[in-house]
Amino acid sequence: MEGEIGVLYQDKKQVGGFYRWDTHVVAPFTTVDAWKVYIPRKVIIAIGYWLVEIPIDNCFDAEFYAVKDGRLVLMDAGQVAIDLPDTRTLDRRLDAPLNIKWVGVEY
């Protein structure tokens, strides 16, 4: 799944967002008692981001939007962790690839 924009919140307040995100599910496996056990997880990347406030930490509530029929549609939402390369530059687009880690329940 892919989309155009994402929004980042901390304490129910928007602190920033990200551009051009893509998510897919990978299912690496491990062996338990000679059985393969698959552990699916989401892999999410984005090509850039912006901040309107300096984040408290690297954990966010995120909303993922895509354009469908000319409208922004919420595609997914949840808690994520992002190690942002620059957390001091505000109100500007920052072009830097992001690895967004899903926090909590894996799918």
PDB file of N, CA and C in Angstrom:
ATOM      1  N   MET A   1       0.853  -1.149   0.000  1.00  0.00           N
ATOM      2  CA  MET A   1       0.000   0.000   0.000  1.00  0.00           C
ATOM      3  C   MET A   1       0.908   1.224   0.000  1.00  0.00           C
ATOM      4  N   GLU A   2       0.475   2.261  -0.690  1.00  0.00           N
ATOM      5  CA  GLU A   2       1.263   3.483  -0.700  1.00  0.00           C
ATOM      6  C   GLU A   2       0.348   4.690  -0.650  1.00  0.00           C
ATOM      7  N   GLY A   3       0.918   5.805  -0.231  1.00  0.00           N
ATOM      8  CA  GLY A   3       0.125   7.013  -0.104  1.00  0.00           C
ATOM      9  C   GLY A   3       0.970   8.260  -0.212  1.00  0.00           C
ATOM     10  N   GLU A   4       0.298   9.374  -0.117  1.00  0.00           N
ATOM     11  CA  GLU A   4       0.930  10.653  -0.360  1.00  0.00           C
ATOM     12  C   GLU A   4       1.423  11.356   0.897  1.00  0.00           C
ATOM     13  N   ILE A   5       0.692  11.210   1.998  1.00  0.00           N
ATOM     14  CA  ILE A   5       1.017  12.021   3.171  1.00  0.00           C
ATOM     15  C   ILE A   5       0.689  11.256   4.445  1.00  0.00           C
ATOM     16  N   GLY A   6       1.423  11.571   5.496  1.00  0.00           N
ATOM     17  CA  GLY A   6       1.141  11.028   6.816  1.00  0.00           C
ATOM     18  C   GLY A   6       1.223  12.148   7.828  1.00  0.00           C
ATOM     19  N   VAL A   7       0.517  12.004   8.920  1.00  0.00           N
ATOM     20  CA  VAL A   7       0.495  13.024   9.954  1.00  0.00           C
ATOM     21  C   VAL A   7       1.006  12.408  11.254  1.00  0.00           C
ATOM     22  N   LEU A   8       1.841  13.166  11.971  1.00  0.00           N
ATOM     23  CA  LEU A   8       2.424  12.694  13.225  1.00  0.00           C
ATOM     24  C   LEU A   8       1.889  13.505  14.394  1.00  0.00           C
ATOM     25  N   TYR A   9       1.464  12.794  15.446  1.00  0.00           N
ATOM     26  CA  TYR A   9       0.921  13.431  16.645  1.00  0.00           C
ATOM     27  C   TYR A   9       1.685  12.953  17.874  1.00  0.00           C
ATOM     28  N   GLN A  10       1.789  13.850  18.851  1.00  0.00           N
ATOM     29  CA  GLN A  10       2.239  13.496  20.196  1.00  0.00           C
ATOM     30  C   GLN A  10       1.321  14.227  21.162  1.00  0.00           C
ATOM     31  N   ASP A  11       0.854  13.532  22.162  1.00  0.00           N
ATOM     32  CA  ASP A  11      -0.089  14.100  23.131  1.00  0.00           C
ATOM     33  C   ASP A  11      -1.297  14.731  22.435  1.00  0.00           C
ATOM     34  N   LYS A  12      -1.795  14.062  21.384  1.00  0.00           N
ATOM     35  CA  LYS A  12      -2.982  14.482  20.621  1.00  0.00           C
ATOM     36  C   LYS A  12      -2.801  15.820  19.906  1.00  0.00           C
ATOM     37  N   LYS A  13      -1.565  16.222  19.697  1.00  0.00           N
ATOM     38  CA  LYS A  13      -1.260  17.480  19.021  1.00  0.00           C
ATOM     39  C   LYS A  13      -0.345  17.179  17.834  1.00  0.00           C
ATOM     40  N   GLN A  14      -0.649  17.749  16.664  1.00  0.00           N
ATOM     41  CA  GLN A  14       0.182  17.494  15.500  1.00  0.00           C
ATOM     42  C   GLN A  14       1.555  18.130  15.690  1.00  0.00           C
ATOM     43  N   VAL A  15       2.607  17.304  15.481  1.00  0.00           N
ATOM     44  CA  VAL A  15       3.972  17.809  15.568  1.00  0.00           C
ATOM     45  C   VAL A  15       4.675  17.784  14.211  1.00  0.00           C
ATOM     46  N   GLY A  16       4.073  17.116  13.229  1.00  0.00           N
ATOM     47  CA  GLY A  16       4.695  17.041  11.912  1.00  0.00           C
ATOM     48  C   GLY A  16       3.989  16.061  11.019  1.00  0.00           C
ATOM     49  N   GLY A  17       4.710  15.626  10.012  1.00  0.00           N
ATOM     50  CA  GLY A  17       4.162  14.663   9.070  1.00  0.00           C
ATOM     51  C   GLY A  17       5.244  14.159   8.139  1.00  0.00           C
ATOM     52  N   PHE A  18       4.848  13.330   7.186  1.00  0.00           N
ATOM     53  CA  PHE A  18       5.800  12.752   6.244  1.00  0.00           C
ATOM     54  C   PHE A  18       5.162  12.633   4.870  1.00  0.00           C
ATOM     55  N   TYR A  19       6.019  12.511   3.852  1.00  0.00           N
ATOM     56  CA  TYR A  19       5.613  12.486   2.449  1.00  0.00           C
ATOM     57  C   TYR A  19       5.860  11.130   1.816  1.00  0.00           C
ATOM     58  N   ARG A  20       5.049  10.826   0.837  1.00  0.00           N
ATOM     59  CA  ARG A  20       5.239   9.660  -0.042  1.00  0.00           C
ATOM     60  C   ARG A  20       5.657   8.407   0.734  1.00  0.00           C
ATOM     61  N   TRP A  21       4.683   7.811   1.416  1.00  0.00           N
ATOM     62  CA  TRP A  21       4.954   6.630   2.219  1.00  0.00           C
ATOM     63  C   TRP A  21       4.592   5.370   1.444  1.00  0.00           C
ATOM     64  N   ASP A  22       5.216   4.292   1.826  1.00  0.00           N
ATOM     65  CA  ASP A  22       4.955   2.977   1.236  1.00  0.00           C
ATOM     66  C   ASP A  22       5.031   1.962   2.369  1.00  0.00           C
ATOM     67  N   THR A  23       4.078   1.065   2.392  1.00  0.00           N
ATOM     68  CA  THR A  23       4.095   0.021   3.419  1.00  0.00           C
ATOM     69  C   THR A  23       3.838  -1.336   2.783  1.00  0.00           C
ATOM     70  N   HIS A  24       4.499  -2.322   3.295  1.00  0.00           N
ATOM     71  CA  HIS A  24       4.240  -3.698   2.895  1.00  0.00           C
ATOM     72  C   HIS A  24       4.518  -4.607   4.090  1.00  0.00           C
ATOM     73  N   VAL A  25       4.079  -5.820   3.990  1.00  0.00           N
ATOM     74  CA  VAL A  25       4.241  -6.782   5.078  1.00  0.00           C
ATOM     75  C   VAL A  25       5.273  -7.811   4.659  1.00  0.00           C
ATOM     76  N   VAL A  26       6.222  -8.057   5.521  1.00  0.00           N
ATOM     77  CA  VAL A  26       7.189  -9.131   5.306  1.00  0.00           C
ATOM     78  C   VAL A  26       6.932 -10.189   6.372  1.00  0.00           C
ATOM     79  N   ALA A  27       7.298 -11.405   6.049  1.00  0.00           N
ATOM     80  CA  ALA A  27       7.035 -12.504   6.989  1.00  0.00           C
ATOM     81  C   ALA A  27       8.262 -13.396   7.138  1.00  0.00           C
ATOM     82  N   PRO A  28       9.298 -12.886   7.805  1.00  0.00           N
ATOM     83  CA  PRO A  28      10.440 -13.760   8.070  1.00  0.00           C
ATOM     84  C   PRO A  28      10.031 -14.876   9.035  1.00  0.00           C
ATOM     85  N   PHE A  29      10.784 -15.946   9.024  1.00  0.00           N
ATOM     86  CA  PHE A  29      10.424 -17.056   9.907  1.00  0.00           C
ATOM     87  C   PHE A  29      11.582 -17.428  10.813  1.00  0.00           C
ATOM     88  N   THR A  30      11.212 -18.119  11.860  1.00  0.00           N
ATOM     89  CA  THR A  30      12.178 -18.717  12.768  1.00  0.00           C
ATOM     90  C   THR A  30      11.759 -20.180  12.921  1.00  0.00           C
ATOM     91  N   THR A  31      12.602 -20.976  13.485  1.00  0.00           N
ATOM     92  CA  THR A  31      12.281 -22.391  13.688  1.00  0.00           C
ATOM     93  C   THR A  31      12.063 -22.650  15.173  1.00  0.00           C
ATOM     94  N   VAL A  32      10.916 -23.254  15.486  1.00  0.00           N
ATOM     95  CA  VAL A  32      10.579 -23.605  16.859  1.00  0.00           C
ATOM     96  C   VAL A  32      10.186 -25.080  16.869  1.00  0.00           C
ATOM     97  N   ASP A  33      10.935 -25.882  17.592  1.00  0.00           N
ATOM     98  CA  ASP A  33      10.683 -27.331  17.664  1.00  0.00           C
ATOM     99  C   ASP A  33      10.551 -27.945  16.277  1.00  0.00           C
ATOM    100  N   ALA A  34      11.463 -27.599  15.385  1.00  0.00           N
ATOM    101  CA  ALA A  34      11.532 -28.103  14.016  1.00  0.00           C
ATOM    102  C   ALA A  34      10.385 -27.625  13.127  1.00  0.00           C
ATOM    103  N   TRP A  35       9.611 -26.657  13.580  1.00  0.00           N
ATOM    104  CA  TRP A  35       8.523 -26.076  12.779  1.00  0.00           C
ATOM    105  C   TRP A  35       8.902 -24.649  12.394  1.00  0.00           C
ATOM    106  N   LYS A  36       8.551 -24.259  11.169  1.00  0.00           N
ATOM    107  CA  LYS A  36       8.734 -22.877  10.762  1.00  0.00           C
ATOM    108  C   LYS A  36       7.608 -22.041  11.360  1.00  0.00           C
ATOM    109  N   VAL A  37       7.986 -20.961  12.015  1.00  0.00           N
ATOM    110  CA  VAL A  37       7.019 -20.036  12.588  1.00  0.00           C
ATOM    111  C   VAL A  37       7.250 -18.678  11.911  1.00  0.00           C
ATOM    112  N   TYR A  38       6.222 -18.213  11.194  1.00  0.00           N
ATOM    113  CA  TYR A  38       6.323 -16.943  10.486  1.00  0.00           C
ATOM    114  C   TYR A  38       5.913 -15.799  11.412  1.00  0.00           C
ATOM    115  N   ILE A  39       6.673 -14.717  11.356  1.00  0.00           N
ATOM    116  CA  ILE A  39       6.427 -13.565  12.207  1.00  0.00           C
ATOM    117  C   ILE A  39       6.230 -12.344  11.290  1.00  0.00           C
ATOM    118  N   PRO A  40       5.001 -12.100  10.844  1.00  0.00           N
ATOM    119  CA  PRO A  40       4.793 -10.974   9.933  1.00  0.00           C
ATOM    120  C   PRO A  40       4.983  -9.635  10.630  1.00  0.00           C
ATOM    121  N   ARG A  41       5.494  -8.664   9.870  1.00  0.00           N
ATOM    122  CA  ARG A  41       5.640  -7.311  10.391  1.00  0.00           C
ATOM    123  C   ARG A  41       5.516  -6.317   9.245  1.00  0.00           C
ATOM    124  N   LYS A  42       5.074  -5.118   9.592  1.00  0.00           N
ATOM    125  CA  LYS A  42       4.951  -4.051   8.604  1.00  0.00           C
ATOM    126  C   LYS A  42       6.305  -3.387   8.399  1.00  0.00           C
ATOM    127  N   VAL A  43       6.601  -3.079   7.150  1.00  0.00           N
ATOM    128  CA  VAL A  43       7.770  -2.290   6.808  1.00  0.00           C
ATOM    129  C   VAL A  43       7.243  -1.020   6.157  1.00  0.00           C
ATOM    130  N   ILE A  44       7.583   0.138   6.735  1.00  0.00           N
ATOM    131  CA  ILE A  44       7.071   1.414   6.240  1.00  0.00           C
ATOM    132  C   ILE A  44       8.245   2.343   5.976  1.00  0.00           C
ATOM    133  N   ILE A  45       8.227   2.970   4.801  1.00  0.00           N
ATOM    134  CA  ILE A  45       9.240   3.960   4.467  1.00  0.00           C
ATOM    135  C   ILE A  45       8.550   5.224   3.960  1.00  0.00           C
ATOM    136  N   ALA A  46       9.234   6.344   4.063  1.00  0.00           N
ATOM    137  CA  ALA A  46       8.765   7.612   3.513  1.00  0.00           C
ATOM    138  C   ALA A  46       9.978   8.340   2.953  1.00  0.00           C
ATOM    139  N   ILE A  47       9.749   9.296   2.029  1.00  0.00           N
ATOM    140  CA  ILE A  47      10.898   9.962   1.393  1.00  0.00           C
ATOM    141  C   ILE A  47      11.249  11.308   2.024  1.00  0.00           C
ATOM    142  N   GLY A  48      10.387  11.843   2.870  1.00  0.00           N
ATOM    143  CA  GLY A  48      10.672  13.126   3.496  1.00  0.00           C
ATOM    144  C   GLY A  48       9.682  13.407   4.616  1.00  0.00           C
ATOM    145  N   TYR A  49       9.940  14.482   5.348  1.00  0.00           N
ATOM    146  CA  TYR A  49       9.079  14.812   6.481  1.00  0.00           C
ATOM    147  C   TYR A  49       9.148  16.298   6.764  1.00  0.00           C
ATOM    148  N   TRP A  50       8.299  16.751   7.665  1.00  0.00           N
ATOM    149  CA  TRP A  50       8.341  18.125   8.166  1.00  0.00           C
ATOM    150  C   TRP A  50       7.942  18.105   9.631  1.00  0.00           C
ATOM    151  N   LEU A  51       8.367  19.124  10.353  1.00  0.00           N
ATOM    152  CA  LEU A  51       8.006  19.274  11.765  1.00  0.00           C
ATOM    153  C   LEU A  51       7.467  20.681  11.995  1.00  0.00           C
ATOM    154  N   VAL A  52       6.434  20.778  12.809  1.00  0.00           N
ATOM    155  CA  VAL A  52       5.919  22.084  13.231  1.00  0.00           C
ATOM    156  C   VAL A  52       6.252  22.345  14.698  1.00  0.00           C
ATOM    157  N   GLU A  53       6.670  21.294  15.393  1.00  0.00           N
ATOM    158  CA  GLU A  53       7.153  21.390  16.776  1.00  0.00           C
ATOM    159  C   GLU A  53       8.275  20.389  16.965  1.00  0.00           C
ATOM    160  N   ILE A  54       9.156  20.674  17.896  1.00  0.00           N
ATOM    161  CA  ILE A  54      10.215  19.725  18.224  1.00  0.00           C
ATOM    162  C   ILE A  54       9.577  18.554  18.963  1.00  0.00           C
ATOM    163  N   PRO A  55       9.778  17.322  18.476  1.00  0.00           N
ATOM    164  CA  PRO A  55       9.155  16.174  19.137  1.00  0.00           C
ATOM    165  C   PRO A  55       9.721  15.904  20.526  1.00  0.00           C
ATOM    166  N   ILE A  56       8.870  15.339  21.376  1.00  0.00           N
ATOM    167  CA  ILE A  56       9.265  14.974  22.735  1.00  0.00           C
ATOM    168  C   ILE A  56      10.232  13.792  22.714  1.00  0.00           C
ATOM    169  N   ASP A  57       9.908  12.796  21.872  1.00  0.00           N
ATOM    170  CA  ASP A  57      10.732  11.602  21.714  1.00  0.00           C
ATOM    171  C   ASP A  57      10.494  11.051  20.314  1.00  0.00           C
ATOM    172  N   ASN A  58      10.839   9.800  20.069  1.00  0.00           N
ATOM    173  CA  ASN A  58      10.691   9.249  18.719  1.00  0.00           C
ATOM    174  C   ASN A  58       9.430   8.406  18.535  1.00  0.00           C
ATOM    175  N   CYS A  59       8.502   8.438  19.472  1.00  0.00           N
ATOM    176  CA  CYS A  59       7.237   7.699  19.365  1.00  0.00           C
ATOM    177  C   CYS A  59       6.108   8.652  19.004  1.00  0.00           C
ATOM    178  N   PHE A  60       5.285   8.236  18.044  1.00  0.00           N
ATOM    179  CA  PHE A  60       4.222   9.086  17.525  1.00  0.00           C
ATOM    180  C   PHE A  60       2.955   8.265  17.294  1.00  0.00           C
ATOM    181  N   ASP A  61       1.829   8.942  17.327  1.00  0.00           N
ATOM    182  CA  ASP A  61       0.597   8.403  16.765  1.00  0.00           C
ATOM    183  C   ASP A  61       0.583   8.899  15.327  1.00  0.00           C
ATOM    184  N   ALA A  62       0.387   8.000  14.380  1.00  0.00           N
ATOM    185  CA  ALA A  62       0.483   8.367  12.968  1.00  0.00           C
ATOM    186  C   ALA A  62      -0.798   8.016  12.226  1.00  0.00           C
ATOM    187  N   GLU A  63      -1.120   8.842  11.245  1.00  0.00           N
ATOM    188  CA  GLU A  63      -2.222   8.581  10.316  1.00  0.00           C
ATOM    189  C   GLU A  63      -1.635   8.580   8.912  1.00  0.00           C
ATOM    190  N   PHE A  64      -2.040   7.604   8.107  1.00  0.00           N
ATOM    191  CA  PHE A  64      -1.520   7.417   6.758  1.00  0.00           C
ATOM    192  C   PHE A  64      -2.642   7.688   5.752  1.00  0.00           C
ATOM    193  N   TYR A  65      -2.419   8.644   4.846  1.00  0.00           N
ATOM    194  CA  TYR A  65      -3.440   9.050   3.883  1.00  0.00           C
ATOM    195  C   TYR A  65      -2.981   8.792   2.450  1.00  0.00           C
ATOM    196  N   ALA A  66      -3.934   8.426   1.595  1.00  0.00           N
ATOM    197  CA  ALA A  66      -3.714   8.270   0.159  1.00  0.00           C
ATOM    198  C   ALA A  66      -4.804   9.049  -0.572  1.00  0.00           C
ATOM    199  N   VAL A  67      -4.521   9.416  -1.812  1.00  0.00           N
ATOM    200  CA  VAL A  67      -5.526  10.109  -2.625  1.00  0.00           C
ATOM    201  C   VAL A  67      -6.332   9.061  -3.381  1.00  0.00           C
ATOM    202  N   LYS A  68      -7.623   9.083  -3.185  1.00  0.00           N
ATOM    203  CA  LYS A  68      -8.567   8.197  -3.876  1.00  0.00           C
ATOM    204  C   LYS A  68      -9.684   9.056  -4.440  1.00  0.00           C
ATOM    205  N   ASP A  69      -9.895   8.995  -5.746  1.00  0.00           N
ATOM    206  CA  ASP A  69     -10.925   9.793  -6.410  1.00  0.00           C
ATOM    207  C   ASP A  69     -10.795  11.277  -6.071  1.00  0.00           C
ATOM    208  N   GLY A  70      -9.550  11.771  -6.019  1.00  0.00           N
ATOM    209  CA  GLY A  70      -9.306  13.183  -5.779  1.00  0.00           C
ATOM    210  C   GLY A  70      -9.447  13.648  -4.332  1.00  0.00           C
ATOM    211  N   ARG A  71      -9.607  12.710  -3.410  1.00  0.00           N
ATOM    212  CA  ARG A  71      -9.766  13.066  -1.995  1.00  0.00           C
ATOM    213  C   ARG A  71      -8.743  12.313  -1.153  1.00  0.00           C
ATOM    214  N   LEU A  72      -8.310  12.935  -0.055  1.00  0.00           N
ATOM    215  CA  LEU A  72      -7.444  12.234   0.892  1.00  0.00           C
ATOM    216  C   LEU A  72      -8.280  11.268   1.714  1.00  0.00           C
ATOM    217  N   VAL A  73      -7.842  10.025   1.764  1.00  0.00           N
ATOM    218  CA  VAL A  73      -8.558   8.977   2.480  1.00  0.00           C
ATOM    219  C   VAL A  73      -7.613   8.365   3.507  1.00  0.00           C
ATOM    220  N   LEU A  74      -8.083   8.227   4.740  1.00  0.00           N
ATOM    221  CA  LEU A  74      -7.295   7.587   5.791  1.00  0.00           C
ATOM    222  C   LEU A  74      -7.169   6.099   5.470  1.00  0.00           C
ATOM    223  N   MET A  75      -5.934   5.622   5.324  1.00  0.00           N
ATOM    224  CA  MET A  75      -5.683   4.224   4.964  1.00  0.00           C
ATOM    225  C   MET A  75      -5.266   3.366   6.152  1.00  0.00           C
ATOM    226  N   ASP A  76      -4.620   3.982   7.140  1.00  0.00           N
ATOM    227  CA  ASP A  76      -4.141   3.228   8.296  1.00  0.00           C
ATOM    228  C   ASP A  76      -3.802   4.232   9.396  1.00  0.00           C
ATOM    229  N   ALA A  77      -3.714   3.757  10.607  1.00  0.00           N
ATOM    230  CA  ALA A  77      -3.338   4.605  11.739  1.00  0.00           C
ATOM    231  C   ALA A  77      -2.795   3.714  12.843  1.00  0.00           C
ATOM    232  N   GLY A  78      -1.889   4.247  13.635  1.00  0.00           N
ATOM    233  CA  GLY A  78      -1.350   3.484  14.746  1.00  0.00           C
ATOM    234  C   GLY A  78      -0.135   4.164  15.336  1.00  0.00           C
ATOM    235  N   GLN A  79       0.478   3.498  16.292  1.00  0.00           N
ATOM    236  CA  GLN A  79       1.673   4.034  16.935  1.00  0.00           C
ATOM    237  C   GLN A  79       2.906   3.590  16.167  1.00  0.00           C
ATOM    238  N   VAL A  80       3.818   4.557  15.972  1.00  0.00           N
ATOM    239  CA  VAL A  80       5.049   4.280  15.249  1.00  0.00           C
ATOM    240  C   VAL A  80       6.228   4.872  16.002  1.00  0.00           C
ATOM    241  N   ALA A  81       7.416   4.397  15.654  1.00  0.00           N
ATOM    242  CA  ALA A  81       8.671   4.962  16.153  1.00  0.00           C
ATOM    243  C   ALA A  81       9.489   5.363  14.939  1.00  0.00           C
ATOM    244  N   ILE A  82      10.026   6.582  14.976  1.00  0.00           N
ATOM    245  CA  ILE A  82      10.825   7.098  13.861  1.00  0.00           C
ATOM    246  C   ILE A  82      12.051   7.794  14.442  1.00  0.00           C
ATOM    247  N   ASP A  83      13.230   7.387  13.996  1.00  0.00           N
ATOM    248  CA  ASP A  83      14.457   8.080  14.366  1.00  0.00           C
ATOM    249  C   ASP A  83      14.693   9.164  13.320  1.00  0.00           C
ATOM    250  N   LEU A  84      14.191  10.372  13.603  1.00  0.00           N
ATOM    251  CA  LEU A  84      14.296  11.487  12.663  1.00  0.00           C
ATOM    252  C   LEU A  84      15.727  12.008  12.633  1.00  0.00           C
ATOM    253  N   PRO A  85      16.297  12.235  11.437  1.00  0.00           N
ATOM    254  CA  PRO A  85      17.675  12.706  11.361  1.00  0.00           C
ATOM    255  C   PRO A  85      17.853  14.146  11.856  1.00  0.00           C
ATOM    256  N   ASP A  86      16.818  14.978  11.752  1.00  0.00           N
ATOM    257  CA  ASP A  86      16.894  16.373  12.191  1.00  0.00           C
ATOM    258  C   ASP A  86      15.585  16.693  12.911  1.00  0.00           C
ATOM    259  N   THR A  87      15.663  16.991  14.199  1.00  0.00           N
ATOM    260  CA  THR A  87      14.445  17.310  14.963  1.00  0.00           C
ATOM    261  C   THR A  87      14.394  18.777  15.351  1.00  0.00           C
ATOM    262  N   ARG A  88      15.311  19.585  14.881  1.00  0.00           N
ATOM    263  CA  ARG A  88      15.370  21.007  15.257  1.00  0.00           C
ATOM    264  C   ARG A  88      14.856  21.941  14.165  1.00  0.00           C
ATOM    265  N   THR A  89      14.885  21.512  12.897  1.00  0.00           N
ATOM    266  CA  THR A  89      14.437  22.355  11.797  1.00  0.00           C
ATOM    267  C   THR A  89      12.919  22.264  11.691  1.00  0.00           C
ATOM    268  N   LEU A  90      12.254  23.409  11.818  1.00  0.00           N
ATOM    269  CA  LEU A  90      10.795  23.452  11.808  1.00  0.00           C
ATOM    270  C   LEU A  90      10.273  24.167  10.563  1.00  0.00           C
ATOM    271  N   ASP A  91       9.030  23.834  10.211  1.00  0.00           N
ATOM    272  CA  ASP A  91       8.278  24.517   9.157  1.00  0.00           C
ATOM    273  C   ASP A  91       8.967  24.478   7.794  1.00  0.00           C
ATOM    274  N   ARG A  92       9.611  23.377   7.490  1.00  0.00           N
ATOM    275  CA  ARG A  92      10.276  23.170   6.207  1.00  0.00           C
ATOM    276  C   ARG A  92      10.217  21.715   5.830  1.00  0.00           C
ATOM    277  N   ARG A  93      10.134  21.453   4.540  1.00  0.00           N
ATOM    278  CA  ARG A  93      10.222  20.076   4.075  1.00  0.00           C
ATOM    279  C   ARG A  93      11.672  19.618   4.197  1.00  0.00           C
ATOM    280  N   LEU A  94      11.851  18.448   4.781  1.00  0.00           N
ATOM    281  CA  LEU A  94      13.175  17.852   4.927  1.00  0.00           C
ATOM    282  C   LEU A  94      13.199  16.564   4.122  1.00  0.00           C
ATOM    283  N   ASP A  95      14.010  16.539   3.081  1.00  0.00           N
ATOM    284  CA  ASP A  95      14.111  15.355   2.230  1.00  0.00           C
ATOM    285  C   ASP A  95      15.133  14.401   2.817  1.00  0.00           C
ATOM    286  N   ALA A  96      14.633  13.353   3.437  1.00  0.00           N
ATOM    287  CA  ALA A  96      15.478  12.328   4.040  1.00  0.00           C
ATOM    288  C   ALA A  96      14.650  11.058   4.133  1.00  0.00           C
ATOM    289  N   PRO A  97      15.178   9.934   3.685  1.00  0.00           N
ATOM    290  CA  PRO A  97      14.412   8.695   3.789  1.00  0.00           C
ATOM    291  C   PRO A  97      14.181   8.316   5.251  1.00  0.00           C
ATOM    292  N   LEU A  98      12.964   7.888   5.546  1.00  0.00           N
ATOM    293  CA  LEU A  98      12.609   7.483   6.906  1.00  0.00           C
ATOM    294  C   LEU A  98      12.237   6.006   6.939  1.00  0.00           C
ATOM    295  N   ASN A  99      12.706   5.319   7.941  1.00  0.00           N
ATOM    296  CA  ASN A  99      12.238   3.974   8.257  1.00  0.00           C
ATOM    297  C   ASN A  99      11.301   4.122   9.442  1.00  0.00           C
ATOM    298  N   ILE A 100      10.043   3.821   9.200  1.00  0.00           N
ATOM    299  CA  ILE A 100       9.022   3.999  10.213  1.00  0.00           C
ATOM    300  C   ILE A 100       8.718   2.614  10.803  1.00  0.00           C
ATOM    301  N   LYS A 101       8.879   2.479  12.100  1.00  0.00           N
ATOM    302  CA  LYS A 101       8.663   1.192  12.766  1.00  0.00           C
ATOM    303  C   LYS A 101       7.294   1.162  13.429  1.00  0.00           C
ATOM    304  N   TRP A 102       6.515   0.161  13.091  1.00  0.00           N
ATOM    305  CA  TRP A 102       5.209  -0.035  13.725  1.00  0.00           C
ATOM    306  C   TRP A 102       5.433  -0.480  15.152  1.00  0.00           C
ATOM    307  N   VAL A 103       4.730   0.114  16.111  1.00  0.00           N
ATOM    308  CA  VAL A 103       4.878  -0.213  17.523  1.00  0.00           C
ATOM    309  C   VAL A 103       3.623  -0.936  17.974  1.00  0.00           C
ATOM    310  N   GLY A 104       3.793  -1.992  18.733  1.00  0.00           N
ATOM    311  CA  GLY A 104       2.627  -2.714  19.252  1.00  0.00           C
ATOM    312  C   GLY A 104       2.344  -3.949  18.449  1.00  0.00           C
ATOM    313  N   VAL A 105       1.092  -4.181  18.168  1.00  0.00           N
ATOM    314  CA  VAL A 105       0.641  -5.396  17.482  1.00  0.00           C
ATOM    315  C   VAL A 105       1.218  -5.449  16.078  1.00  0.00           C
ATOM    316  N   GLU A 106       1.807  -6.566  15.723  1.00  0.00           N
ATOM    317  CA  GLU A 106       2.309  -6.778  14.372  1.00  0.00           C
ATOM    318  C   GLU A 106       1.255  -7.528  13.571  1.00  0.00           C
ATOM    319  N   TYR A 107       1.231  -7.258  12.298  1.00  0.00           N
ATOM    320  CA  TYR A 107       0.268  -7.918  11.396  1.00  0.00           C
ATOM    321  C   TYR A 107       0.973  -8.806  10.417  1.00  0.00           C
TER     322      TYR A 107
END
